C-alpha atoms as a PDB file:
ATOM      1  CA  UNK A   1       0.090  -0.038  -0.392  1.00  0.00           C
ATOM      2  CA  UNK A   2       1.962   3.597  -1.215  1.00  0.00           C
ATOM      3  CA  UNK A   3       0.784   6.778  -0.046  1.00  0.00           C
ATOM      4  CA  UNK A   4      -1.529   8.219  -2.687  1.00  0.00           C
ATOM      5  CA  UNK A   5       0.632  11.499  -2.972  1.00  0.00           C
ATOM      6  CA  UNK A   6       4.071  10.756  -2.590  1.00  0.00           C
ATOM      7  CA  UNK A   7       3.764   6.310  -2.998  1.00  0.00           C
ATOM      8  CA  UNK A   8       5.946   6.294  -0.259  1.00  0.00           C
ATOM      9  CA  UNK A   9       4.824   3.573   2.253  1.00  0.00           C
ATOM     10  CA  UNK A  10       1.706   4.594   3.127  1.00  0.00           C
ATOM     11  CA  UNK A  11       0.814   3.931   7.515  1.00  0.00           C
ATOM     12  CA  UNK A  12      -3.167   4.151   6.904  1.00  0.00           C
ATOM     13  CA  UNK A  13      -6.104   3.007   4.256  1.00  0.00           C
ATOM     14  CA  UNK A  14      -8.947   5.717   4.250  1.00  0.00           C
ATOM     15  CA  UNK A  15     -11.442   3.848   1.989  1.00  0.00           C
ATOM     16  CA  UNK A  16     -14.289   6.243   2.969  1.00  0.00           C
ATOM     17  CA  UNK A  17     -11.718   8.913   1.142  1.00  0.00           C
ATOM     18  CA  UNK A  18     -10.876   6.001  -1.185  1.00  0.00           C
ATOM     19  CA  UNK A  19      -7.118   7.096   0.074  1.00  0.00           C
ATOM     20  CA  UNK A  20      -3.968   5.863   1.708  1.00  0.00           C
ATOM     21  CA  UNK A  21      -1.367   7.549   3.366  1.00  0.00           C
ATOM     22  CA  UNK A  22       1.998   7.948   4.362  1.00  0.00           C
ATOM     23  CA  UNK A  23       3.057   9.594   7.804  1.00  0.00           C
ATOM     24  CA  UNK A  24       4.079  12.826   6.706  1.00  0.00           C
ATOM     25  CA  UNK A  25       0.993  13.227   4.701  1.00  0.00           C
ATOM     26  CA  UNK A  26      -1.523  11.746   6.875  1.00  0.00           C
ATOM     27  CA  UNK A  27      -0.274  14.549  10.119  1.00  0.00           C
ATOM     28  CA  UNK A  28      -0.539  17.321   6.653  1.00  0.00           C
ATOM     29  CA  UNK A  29      -4.024  15.936   6.122  1.00  0.00           C
ATOM     30  CA  UNK A  30      -5.218  15.796   9.861  1.00  0.00           C
ATOM     31  CA  UNK A  31      -4.328  19.762  10.656  1.00  0.00           C
ATOM     32  CA  UNK A  32      -6.566  20.155   6.975  1.00  0.00           C
ATOM     33  CA  UNK A  33      -9.621  18.182   8.129  1.00  0.00           C
ATOM     34  CA  UNK A  34      -9.778  19.899  11.412  1.00  0.00           C
ATOM     35  CA  UNK A  35      -9.621  23.340   9.802  1.00  0.00           C
ATOM     36  CA  UNK A  36     -12.002  22.469   7.077  1.00  0.00           C
ATOM     37  CA  UNK A  37     -14.191  22.266  10.334  1.00  0.00           C
ATOM     38  CA  UNK A  38     -13.383  25.446  11.664  1.00  0.00           C
ATOM     39  CA  UNK A  39     -13.389  27.582   8.726  1.00  0.00           C
ATOM     40  CA  UNK A  40     -16.956  25.951   7.089  1.00  0.00           C
ATOM     41  CA  UNK A  41     -18.851  26.465  10.558  1.00  0.00           C
ATOM     42  CA  UNK A  42     -17.452  29.515  11.649  1.00  0.00           C
ATOM     43  CA  UNK A  43     -15.881  28.048  14.722  1.00  0.00           C
ATOM     44  CA  UNK A  44     -13.481  30.786  15.853  1.00  0.00           C
ATOM     45  CA  UNK A  45     -10.387  32.937  14.356  1.00  0.00           C
ATOM     46  CA  UNK A  46      -6.571  33.151  16.174  1.00  0.00           C
ATOM     47  CA  UNK A  47      -7.841  35.906  17.565  1.00  0.00           C
ATOM     48  CA  UNK A  48     -10.506  33.986  20.251  1.00  0.00           C
ATOM     49  CA  UNK A  49      -9.214  31.841  23.635  1.00  0.00           C
ATOM     50  CA  UNK A  50     -10.226  28.458  23.289  1.00  0.00           C
ATOM     51  CA  UNK A  51     -11.168  25.781  26.319  1.00  0.00           C
ATOM     52  CA  UNK A  52     -10.099  22.586  24.929  1.00  0.00           C
ATOM     53  CA  UNK A  53     -11.883  20.226  27.670  1.00  0.00           C
ATOM     54  CA  UNK A  54      -9.626  17.028  28.411  1.00  0.00           C
ATOM     55  CA  UNK A  55     -10.102  13.802  29.466  1.00  0.00           C
ATOM     56  CA  UNK A  56      -6.933  12.261  28.666  1.00  0.00           C
ATOM     57  CA  UNK A  57      -8.074  10.633  26.273  1.00  0.00           C
ATOM     58  CA  UNK A  58      -6.774  10.241  22.248  1.00  0.00           C
ATOM     59  CA  UNK A  59      -9.354  12.499  20.834  1.00  0.00           C
ATOM     60  CA  UNK A  60      -9.293  15.615  23.117  1.00  0.00           C
ATOM     61  CA  UNK A  61      -5.772  15.847  23.256  1.00  0.00           C
ATOM     62  CA  UNK A  62      -5.144  15.225  19.682  1.00  0.00           C
ATOM     63  CA  UNK A  63      -8.042  18.417  19.370  1.00  0.00           C
ATOM     64  CA  UNK A  64      -5.724  20.207  21.849  1.00  0.00           C
ATOM     65  CA  UNK A  65      -2.685  19.851  20.079  1.00  0.00           C
ATOM     66  CA  UNK A  66      -3.718  19.885  16.530  1.00  0.00           C
ATOM     67  CA  UNK A  67      -5.303  23.647  18.211  1.00  0.00           C
ATOM     68  CA  UNK A  68      -1.660  24.403  19.094  1.00  0.00           C
ATOM     69  CA  UNK A  69       0.350  23.508  15.712  1.00  0.00           C
ATOM     70  CA  UNK A  70      -2.266  25.547  13.965  1.00  0.00           C
ATOM     71  CA  UNK A  71      -1.260  28.911  15.752  1.00  0.00           C
ATOM     72  CA  UNK A  72      -4.984  29.176  17.922  1.00  0.00           C
ATOM     73  CA  UNK A  73      -4.777  30.664  21.737  1.00  0.00           C
ATOM     74  CA  UNK A  74      -5.878  27.104  23.449  1.00  0.00           C
ATOM     75  CA  UNK A  75      -5.993  26.519  26.741  1.00  0.00           C
ATOM     76  CA  UNK A  76      -6.637  22.871  28.346  1.00  0.00           C
ATOM     77  CA  UNK A  77      -9.404  21.696  31.227  1.00  0.00           C
ATOM     78  CA  UNK A  78      -9.522  18.597  32.785  1.00  0.00           C
ATOM     79  CA  UNK A  79     -11.354  17.834  34.951  1.00  0.00           C
ATOM     80  CA  UNK A  80     -10.937  15.255  37.817  1.00  0.00           C
ATOM     81  CA  UNK A  81     -14.143  12.924  38.294  1.00  0.00           C
ATOM     82  CA  UNK A  82     -12.458  11.053  41.466  1.00  0.00           C
ATOM     83  CA  UNK A  83     -13.161   7.862  39.730  1.00  0.00           C
ATOM     84  CA  UNK A  84     -11.173   5.260  40.974  1.00  0.00           C
ATOM     85  CA  UNK A  85     -11.531   1.965  39.217  1.00  0.00           C
ATOM     86  CA  UNK A  86      -8.224   1.524  37.889  1.00  0.00           C
ATOM     87  CA  UNK A  87      -6.880   4.643  39.113  1.00  0.00           C
ATOM     88  CA  UNK A  88      -8.508   5.743  35.936  1.00  0.00           C
ATOM     89  CA  UNK A  89      -9.568   9.681  36.571  1.00  0.00           C
ATOM     90  CA  UNK A  90      -5.841  10.139  38.309  1.00  0.00           C
ATOM     91  CA  UNK A  91      -4.612   8.337  35.346  1.00  0.00           C
ATOM     92  CA  UNK A  92      -5.905  10.108  33.089  1.00  0.00           C
ATOM     93  CA  UNK A  93      -4.829  13.989  34.854  1.00  0.00           C
ATOM     94  CA  UNK A  94      -1.087  12.895  34.856  1.00  0.00           C
ATOM     95  CA  UNK A  95      -1.690  12.004  31.388  1.00  0.00           C
ATOM     96  CA  UNK A  96      -3.255  15.135  30.824  1.00  0.00           C
ATOM     97  CA  UNK A  97      -0.706  17.333  32.180  1.00  0.00           C
ATOM     98  CA  UNK A  98       2.195  15.765  31.102  1.00  0.00           C
ATOM     99  CA  UNK A  99       0.672  16.685  27.460  1.00  0.00           C
ATOM    100  CA  UNK A 100       0.305  20.148  28.686  1.00  0.00           C
ATOM    101  CA  UNK A 101       3.949  20.106  30.008  1.00  0.00           C
ATOM    102  CA  UNK A 102       5.119  18.899  27.469  1.00  0.00           C
ATOM    103  CA  UNK A 103       3.287  21.397  24.793  1.00  0.00           C
ATOM    104  CA  UNK A 104       4.032  24.332  27.055  1.00  0.00           C
ATOM    105  CA  UNK A 105       0.433  25.357  27.682  1.00  0.00           C
ATOM    106  CA  UNK A 106      -1.848  26.442  30.127  1.00  0.00           C
ATOM    107  CA  UNK A 107      -3.893  23.658  31.845  1.00  0.00           C
ATOM    108  CA  UNK A 108      -7.320  23.701  34.559  1.00  0.00           C
ATOM    109  CA  UNK A 109      -7.571  21.264  36.637  1.00  0.00           C
ATOM    110  CA  UNK A 110     -11.061  21.373  38.384  1.00  0.00           C
ATOM    111  CA  UNK A 111     -10.477  18.240  41.300  1.00  0.00           C
ATOM    112  CA  UNK A 112     -14.205  17.035  41.873  1.00  0.00           C
ATOM    113  CA  UNK A 113     -13.624  15.852  45.791  1.00  0.00           C
ATOM    114  CA  UNK A 114     -11.757  18.300  46.453  1.00  0.00           C
ATOM    115  CA  UNK A 115     -13.759  20.759  46.483  1.00  0.00           C
ATOM    116  CA  UNK A 116     -17.460  18.550  47.445  1.00  0.00           C
ATOM    117  CA  UNK A 117     -15.705  15.915  49.528  1.00  0.00           C
ATOM    118  CA  UNK A 118     -17.307  13.365  47.142  1.00  0.00           C
ATOM    119  CA  UNK A 119     -16.467  11.555  43.853  1.00  0.00           C
ATOM    120  CA  UNK A 120     -18.657  11.582  41.257  1.00  0.00           C
ATOM    121  CA  UNK A 121     -19.835   7.985  41.421  1.00  0.00           C
ATOM    122  CA  UNK A 122     -20.080   8.256  45.772  1.00  0.00           C
ATOM    123  CA  UNK A 123     -22.588  11.513  45.083  1.00  0.00           C
ATOM    124  CA  UNK A 124     -24.174   9.475  42.165  1.00  0.00           C
ATOM    125  CA  UNK A 125     -24.837   6.545  45.077  1.00  0.00           C
ATOM    126  CA  UNK A 126     -25.868   8.789  47.299  1.00  0.00           C
ATOM    127  CA  UNK A 127     -28.495  10.776  45.330  1.00  0.00           C
ATOM    128  CA  UNK A 128     -29.780   7.466  43.389  1.00  0.00           C
ATOM    129  CA  UNK A 129     -28.981   8.640  40.014  1.00  0.00           C
ATOM    130  CA  UNK A 130     -26.609   6.778  37.076  1.00  0.00           C
ATOM    131  CA  UNK A 131     -22.958   7.567  37.381  1.00  0.00           C
ATOM    132  CA  UNK A 132     -23.011   8.991  33.984  1.00  0.00           C
ATOM    133  CA  UNK A 133     -25.613  11.587  33.998  1.00  0.00           C
ATOM    134  CA  UNK A 134     -24.662  13.345  37.463  1.00  0.00           C
ATOM    135  CA  UNK A 135     -20.582  12.981  35.311  1.00  0.00           C
ATOM    136  CA  UNK A 136     -22.748  14.621  32.305  1.00  0.00           C
ATOM    137  CA  UNK A 137     -24.594  17.865  34.024  1.00  0.00           C
ATOM    138  CA  UNK A 138     -21.107  18.045  36.570  1.00  0.00           C
ATOM    139  CA  UNK A 139     -18.507  18.343  33.947  1.00  0.00           C
ATOM    140  CA  UNK A 140     -21.224  20.522  31.675  1.00  0.00           C
ATOM    141  CA  UNK A 141     -21.059  22.848  34.978  1.00  0.00           C
ATOM    142  CA  UNK A 142     -17.778  23.348  35.162  1.00  0.00           C
ATOM    143  CA  UNK A 143     -16.326  23.431  31.675  1.00  0.00           C
ATOM    144  CA  UNK A 144     -19.032  26.179  31.719  1.00  0.00           C
ATOM    145  CA  UNK A 145     -17.764  28.190  34.796  1.00  0.00           C
ATOM    146  CA  UNK A 146     -14.067  27.785  34.084  1.00  0.00           C
ATOM    147  CA  UNK A 147     -14.847  29.711  30.229  1.00  0.00           C
ATOM    148  CA  UNK A 148     -17.128  32.154  31.792  1.00  0.00           C
ATOM    149  CA  UNK A 149     -14.684  33.246  34.698  1.00  0.00           C
ATOM    150  CA  UNK A 150     -11.943  33.214  32.499  1.00  0.00           C
ATOM    151  CA  UNK A 151     -13.320  35.119  30.131  1.00  0.00           C
ATOM    152  CA  UNK A 152     -13.232  32.046  27.269  1.00  0.00           C
ATOM    153  CA  UNK A 153     -14.771  32.627  24.075  1.00  0.00           C
ATOM    154  CA  UNK A 154     -15.141  29.114  22.940  1.00  0.00           C
ATOM    155  CA  UNK A 155     -15.510  25.569  24.516  1.00  0.00           C
ATOM    156  CA  UNK A 156     -14.077  22.859  21.590  1.00  0.00           C
ATOM    157  CA  UNK A 157     -14.642  19.356  22.415  1.00  0.00           C
ATOM    158  CA  UNK A 158     -12.759  16.310  21.196  1.00  0.00           C
ATOM    159  CA  UNK A 159     -15.511  14.876  20.062  1.00  0.00           C
ATOM    160  CA  UNK A 160     -15.013  12.726  16.247  1.00  0.00           C
ATOM    161  CA  UNK A 161     -17.383  11.669  13.310  1.00  0.00           C
ATOM    162  CA  UNK A 162     -17.944   8.480  15.334  1.00  0.00           C
ATOM    163  CA  UNK A 163     -19.424  10.197  18.530  1.00  0.00           C
ATOM    164  CA  UNK A 164     -21.694  12.702  16.153  1.00  0.00           C
ATOM    165  CA  UNK A 165     -22.843   9.648  13.779  1.00  0.00           C
ATOM    166  CA  UNK A 166     -23.485   7.208  17.201  1.00  0.00           C
ATOM    167  CA  UNK A 167     -25.184  10.243  19.129  1.00  0.00           C
ATOM    168  CA  UNK A 168     -27.618  11.235  15.655  1.00  0.00           C
ATOM    169  CA  UNK A 169     -28.575   7.178  15.452  1.00  0.00           C
ATOM    170  CA  UNK A 170     -29.888   7.326  18.843  1.00  0.00           C
ATOM    171  CA  UNK A 171     -31.616  10.309  18.728  1.00  0.00           C
ATOM    172  CA  UNK A 172     -33.021   9.555  15.316  1.00  0.00           C
ATOM    173  CA  UNK A 173     -34.480   5.601  16.082  1.00  0.00           C
ATOM    174  CA  UNK A 174     -36.048   7.387  19.651  1.00  0.00           C
ATOM    175  CA  UNK A 175     -37.114  10.826  17.479  1.00  0.00           C
ATOM    176  CA  UNK A 176     -35.666  13.428  20.354  1.00  0.00           C
ATOM    177  CA  UNK A 177     -36.474  16.390  18.576  1.00  0.00           C
ATOM    178  CA  UNK A 178     -34.693  18.559  21.406  1.00  0.00           C
ATOM    179  CA  UNK A 179     -31.120  16.496  20.840  1.00  0.00           C
ATOM    180  CA  UNK A 180     -31.369  16.888  16.138  1.00  0.00           C
ATOM    181  CA  UNK A 181     -32.370  20.145  16.290  1.00  0.00           C
ATOM    182  CA  UNK A 182     -28.739  20.575  18.430  1.00  0.00           C
ATOM    183  CA  UNK A 183     -27.029  17.885  17.472  1.00  0.00           C
ATOM    184  CA  UNK A 184     -24.068  20.695  15.149  1.00  0.00           C
ATOM    185  CA  UNK A 185     -20.625  20.946  15.022  1.00  0.00           C
ATOM    186  CA  UNK A 186     -20.541  24.557  16.258  1.00  0.00           C
ATOM    187  CA  UNK A 187     -23.225  26.285  18.737  1.00  0.00           C
ATOM    188  CA  UNK A 188     -22.676  30.237  18.479  1.00  0.00           C
ATOM    189  CA  UNK A 189     -22.787  32.150  21.808  1.00  0.00           C
ATOM    190  CA  UNK A 190     -26.556  32.105  24.024  1.00  0.00           C
ATOM    191  CA  UNK A 191     -26.153  35.690  24.042  1.00  0.00           C
ATOM    192  CA  UNK A 192     -23.425  38.714  23.978  1.00  0.00           C
ATOM    193  CA  UNK A 193     -20.200  37.882  26.112  1.00  0.00           C
ATOM    194  CA  UNK A 194     -21.009  34.173  26.371  1.00  0.00           C
ATOM    195  CA  UNK A 195     -18.695  31.952  24.855  1.00  0.00           C
ATOM    196  CA  UNK A 196     -19.478  29.524  21.830  1.00  0.00           C
ATOM    197  CA  UNK A 197     -19.190  26.031  21.396  1.00  0.00           C
ATOM    198  CA  UNK A 198     -17.959  23.277  18.902  1.00  0.00           C
ATOM    199  CA  UNK A 199     -16.536  19.900  17.962  1.00  0.00           C
ATOM    200  CA  UNK A 200     -13.597  20.680  15.372  1.00  0.00           C
ATOM    201  CA  UNK A 201     -12.727  17.234  15.570  1.00  0.00           C
ATOM    202  CA  UNK A 202     -15.901  16.648  13.602  1.00  0.00           C
ATOM    203  CA  UNK A 203     -14.391  15.693  10.617  1.00  0.00           C
ATOM    204  CA  UNK A 204     -12.342  13.131  12.245  1.00  0.00           C
ATOM    205  CA  UNK A 205     -12.621   9.397  12.638  1.00  0.00           C
ATOM    206  CA  UNK A 206     -11.148   7.419  16.393  1.00  0.00           C
ATOM    207  CA  UNK A 207      -9.096   5.452  13.679  1.00  0.00           C
ATOM    208  CA  UNK A 208      -7.913   8.831  12.989  1.00  0.00           C
ATOM    209  CA  UNK A 209      -7.399  10.165  15.952  1.00  0.00           C
ATOM    210  CA  UNK A 210      -5.340   7.255  17.582  1.00  0.00           C
ATOM    211  CA  UNK A 211      -2.701   6.714  14.646  1.00  0.00           C
ATOM    212  CA  UNK A 212      -2.799  10.236  15.165  1.00  0.00           C
ATOM    213  CA  UNK A 213      -1.546  10.012  18.425  1.00  0.00           C
ATOM    214  CA  UNK A 214       0.485   7.116  18.058  1.00  0.00           C
ATOM    215  CA  UNK A 215       3.006   9.555  15.241  1.00  0.00           C
ATOM    216  CA  UNK A 216       2.995  12.411  17.674  1.00  0.00           C
ATOM    217  CA  UNK A 217       3.894  10.599  20.411  1.00  0.00           C
ATOM    218  CA  UNK A 218       0.898  11.918  22.439  1.00  0.00           C
ATOM    219  CA  UNK A 219       0.252   9.579  25.026  1.00  0.00           C
ATOM    220  CA  UNK A 220      -2.670   9.043  26.032  1.00  0.00           C
ATOM    221  CA  UNK A 221      -4.975   7.013  28.193  1.00  0.00           C
ATOM    222  CA  UNK A 222      -6.495   3.745  26.515  1.00  0.00           C
ATOM    223  CA  UNK A 223      -9.074   2.317  28.817  1.00  0.00           C
ATOM    224  CA  UNK A 224     -12.767   3.254  28.397  1.00  0.00           C
ATOM    225  CA  UNK A 225     -14.440   4.494  31.495  1.00  0.00           C
ATOM    226  CA  UNK A 226     -15.414   2.292  33.767  1.00  0.00           C
ATOM    227  CA  UNK A 227     -18.643   3.778  33.826  1.00  0.00           C
ATOM    228  CA  UNK A 228     -18.755   3.733  29.851  1.00  0.00           C
ATOM    229  CA  UNK A 229     -19.589  -0.699  29.908  1.00  0.00           C
ATOM    230  CA  UNK A 230     -23.254  -1.473  28.074  1.00  0.00           C
ATOM    231  CA  UNK A 231     -23.490   2.574  27.564  1.00  0.00           C
ATOM    232  CA  UNK A 232     -25.764   2.241  24.277  1.00  0.00           C
ATOM    233  CA  UNK A 233     -23.862   4.996  22.448  1.00  0.00           C
ATOM    234  CA  UNK A 234     -21.198   1.982  21.717  1.00  0.00           C
ATOM    235  CA  UNK A 235     -23.760   0.001  20.981  1.00  0.00           C
ATOM    236  CA  UNK A 236     -25.062   2.769  18.201  1.00  0.00           C
ATOM    237  CA  UNK A 237     -20.929   2.886  17.518  1.00  0.00           C
ATOM    238  CA  UNK A 238     -20.894  -0.599  16.404  1.00  0.00           C
ATOM    239  CA  UNK A 239     -23.758  -0.584  13.870  1.00  0.00           C
ATOM    240  CA  UNK A 240     -22.262   2.179  12.252  1.00  0.00           C
ATOM    241  CA  UNK A 241     -19.302   0.590  11.332  1.00  0.00           C
ATOM    242  CA  UNK A 242     -20.520  -2.246  10.405  1.00  0.00           C
ATOM    243  CA  UNK A 243     -22.347   0.295   7.751  1.00  0.00           C
ATOM    244  CA  UNK A 244     -18.907   2.099   7.206  1.00  0.00           C
ATOM    245  CA  UNK A 245     -17.167  -1.477   6.675  1.00  0.00           C
ATOM    246  CA  UNK A 246     -19.438  -2.306   3.587  1.00  0.00           C
ATOM    247  CA  UNK A 247     -20.491   0.905   2.091  1.00  0.00           C
ATOM    248  CA  UNK A 248     -16.803   3.482   2.991  1.00  0.00           C
ATOM    249  CA  UNK A 249     -18.349   6.499   3.312  1.00  0.00           C
ATOM    250  CA  UNK A 250     -22.017   6.125   5.195  1.00  0.00           C
ATOM    251  CA  UNK A 251     -21.014   7.450   8.230  1.00  0.00           C
ATOM    252  CA  UNK A 252     -20.100  10.945   6.835  1.00  0.00           C
ATOM    253  CA  UNK A 253     -22.881  11.050   4.843  1.00  0.00           C
ATOM    254  CA  UNK A 254     -25.478  10.569   7.311  1.00  0.00           C
ATOM    255  CA  UNK A 255     -24.284  12.494   9.626  1.00  0.00           C
ATOM    256  CA  UNK A 256     -23.030  15.508   7.092  1.00  0.00           C
ATOM    257  CA  UNK A 257     -26.881  15.124   5.226  1.00  0.00           C
ATOM    258  CA  UNK A 258     -28.668  15.951   9.119  1.00  0.00           C
ATOM    259  CA  UNK A 259     -26.019  19.166   9.673  1.00  0.00           C
ATOM    260  CA  UNK A 260     -27.054  19.832   6.138  1.00  0.00           C
ATOM    261  CA  UNK A 261     -31.018  19.501   6.585  1.00  0.00           C
ATOM    262  CA  UNK A 262     -30.665  20.085  10.636  1.00  0.00           C
ATOM    263  CA  UNK A 263     -33.657  22.785  10.050  1.00  0.00           C
ATOM    264  CA  UNK A 264     -35.527  20.713   9.686  1.00  0.00           C
ATOM    265  CA  UNK A 265     -35.700  19.825  13.534  1.00  0.00           C
ATOM    266  CA  UNK A 266     -35.559  23.525  14.785  1.00  0.00           C
ATOM    267  CA  UNK A 267     -39.476  22.945  16.473  1.00  0.00           C
ATOM    268  CA  UNK A 268     -38.951  25.993  18.811  1.00  0.00           C
ATOM    269  CA  UNK A 269     -37.883  30.012  18.765  1.00  0.00           C
ATOM    270  CA  UNK A 270     -33.802  29.691  19.116  1.00  0.00           C
ATOM    271  CA  UNK A 271     -35.171  32.764  21.946  1.00  0.00           C
ATOM    272  CA  UNK A 272     -36.034  29.798  23.970  1.00  0.00           C
ATOM    273  CA  UNK A 273     -33.111  27.918  23.949  1.00  0.00           C
ATOM    274  CA  UNK A 274     -31.805  30.775  26.677  1.00  0.00           C
ATOM    275  CA  UNK A 275     -32.365  30.190  30.150  1.00  0.00           C
ATOM    276  CA  UNK A 276     -34.610  32.878  31.509  1.00  0.00           C
ATOM    277  CA  UNK A 277     -33.386  32.889  34.495  1.00  0.00           C
ATOM    278  CA  UNK A 278     -29.859  33.205  36.671  1.00  0.00           C
ATOM    279  CA  UNK A 279     -29.803  30.195  39.364  1.00  0.00           C
ATOM    280  CA  UNK A 280     -29.698  32.070  43.244  1.00  0.00           C
ATOM    281  CA  UNK A 281     -26.646  29.667  44.604  1.00  0.00           C
ATOM    282  CA  UNK A 282     -23.995  30.477  41.850  1.00  0.00           C
ATOM    283  CA  UNK A 283     -25.263  32.608  39.428  1.00  0.00           C
ATOM    284  CA  UNK A 284     -24.931  30.568  36.305  1.00  0.00           C
ATOM    285  CA  UNK A 285     -28.142  30.903  33.300  1.00  0.00           C
ATOM    286  CA  UNK A 286     -30.295  28.433  34.442  1.00  0.00           C
ATOM    287  CA  UNK A 287     -34.120  27.233  33.922  1.00  0.00           C
ATOM    288  CA  UNK A 288     -34.891  27.243  37.722  1.00  0.00           C
ATOM    289  CA  UNK A 289     -34.662  29.040  40.518  1.00  0.00           C
ATOM    290  CA  UNK A 290     -31.610  26.614  41.643  1.00  0.00           C
ATOM    291  CA  UNK A 291     -29.328  25.043  38.876  1.00  0.00           C
ATOM    292  CA  UNK A 292     -29.660  20.923  38.121  1.00  0.00           C
ATOM    293  CA  UNK A 293     -25.387  21.415  39.176  1.00  0.00           C
ATOM    294  CA  UNK A 294     -26.200  23.120  42.498  1.00  0.00           C
ATOM    295  CA  UNK A 295     -29.522  21.234  43.314  1.00  0.00           C
ATOM    296  CA  UNK A 296     -27.717  18.021  42.657  1.00  0.00           C
ATOM    297  CA  UNK A 297     -25.080  18.717  44.727  1.00  0.00           C
ATOM    298  CA  UNK A 298     -27.389  20.113  47.418  1.00  0.00           C
ATOM    299  CA  UNK A 299     -25.649  23.591  47.524  1.00  0.00           C
ATOM    300  CA  UNK A 300     -26.667  26.267  49.585  1.00  0.00           C
ATOM    301  CA  UNK A 301     -26.045  30.101  49.350  1.00  0.00           C
ATOM    302  CA  UNK A 302     -23.800  30.400  52.524  1.00  0.00           C
ATOM    303  CA  UNK A 303     -21.415  27.341  51.397  1.00  0.00           C
ATOM    304  CA  UNK A 304     -21.394  29.761  47.820  1.00  0.00           C
END
């Protein structure tokens, strides 16, 4: 197998693009794919401050590395959830910190157990809630809080094409209209002075992110989160993988066909997407007098 561009030995086959590339040209191709997403969806510019939500995994570390190489003003945020199984959270933090040090980049670290006296799994147990649900509420809160407090213009996450296509499949199977209306790779700020949310890896797959990290010598946590076992998203990914095997390019056609027609799912006025209240505890935008984060963590005014 030879590189389509230079005819040297290829290190990766990309049948969905009818392409094979050597290490040098694959590296350049990855930077072009991220640049394409940023420019096509108007995600951000070199003047914007970007907060990259990093988990210690391949996708978010690949994203942060690419943004730094492209010259974007990007800092990282790692949220230590206190997952003890296999030393998962601490190992993820160690790998994220090692990357930040190597890249000489700024990294913010939020430790949930230190801040709230309890890990995510322990809190989920006491509240009789699913760990993944509580994790999502908590991570969103701290991503928004750091972005707001530190004056970032954009929150960027490492969601890739596999992630987006799997989420879309699940939402379409059960016709979750609210989610189908909001599955685009980019969401502009809700109002002036707020921040946008972007997924610049949307043209890249998990396989491509993995190869990129290996070529760049980026160490990442290879294990899935212990609480992801049995997640429906993994089933949707397996189904899409089988489709892709028999019909290369199906995933990209499926997801970007949806993005092209996303307005079909817009069922309400955009203004209704802006929370009308501010949480009386933490002051963040909220649909209720107390936001879901403060309610979940049993916070009170005198604790803030």
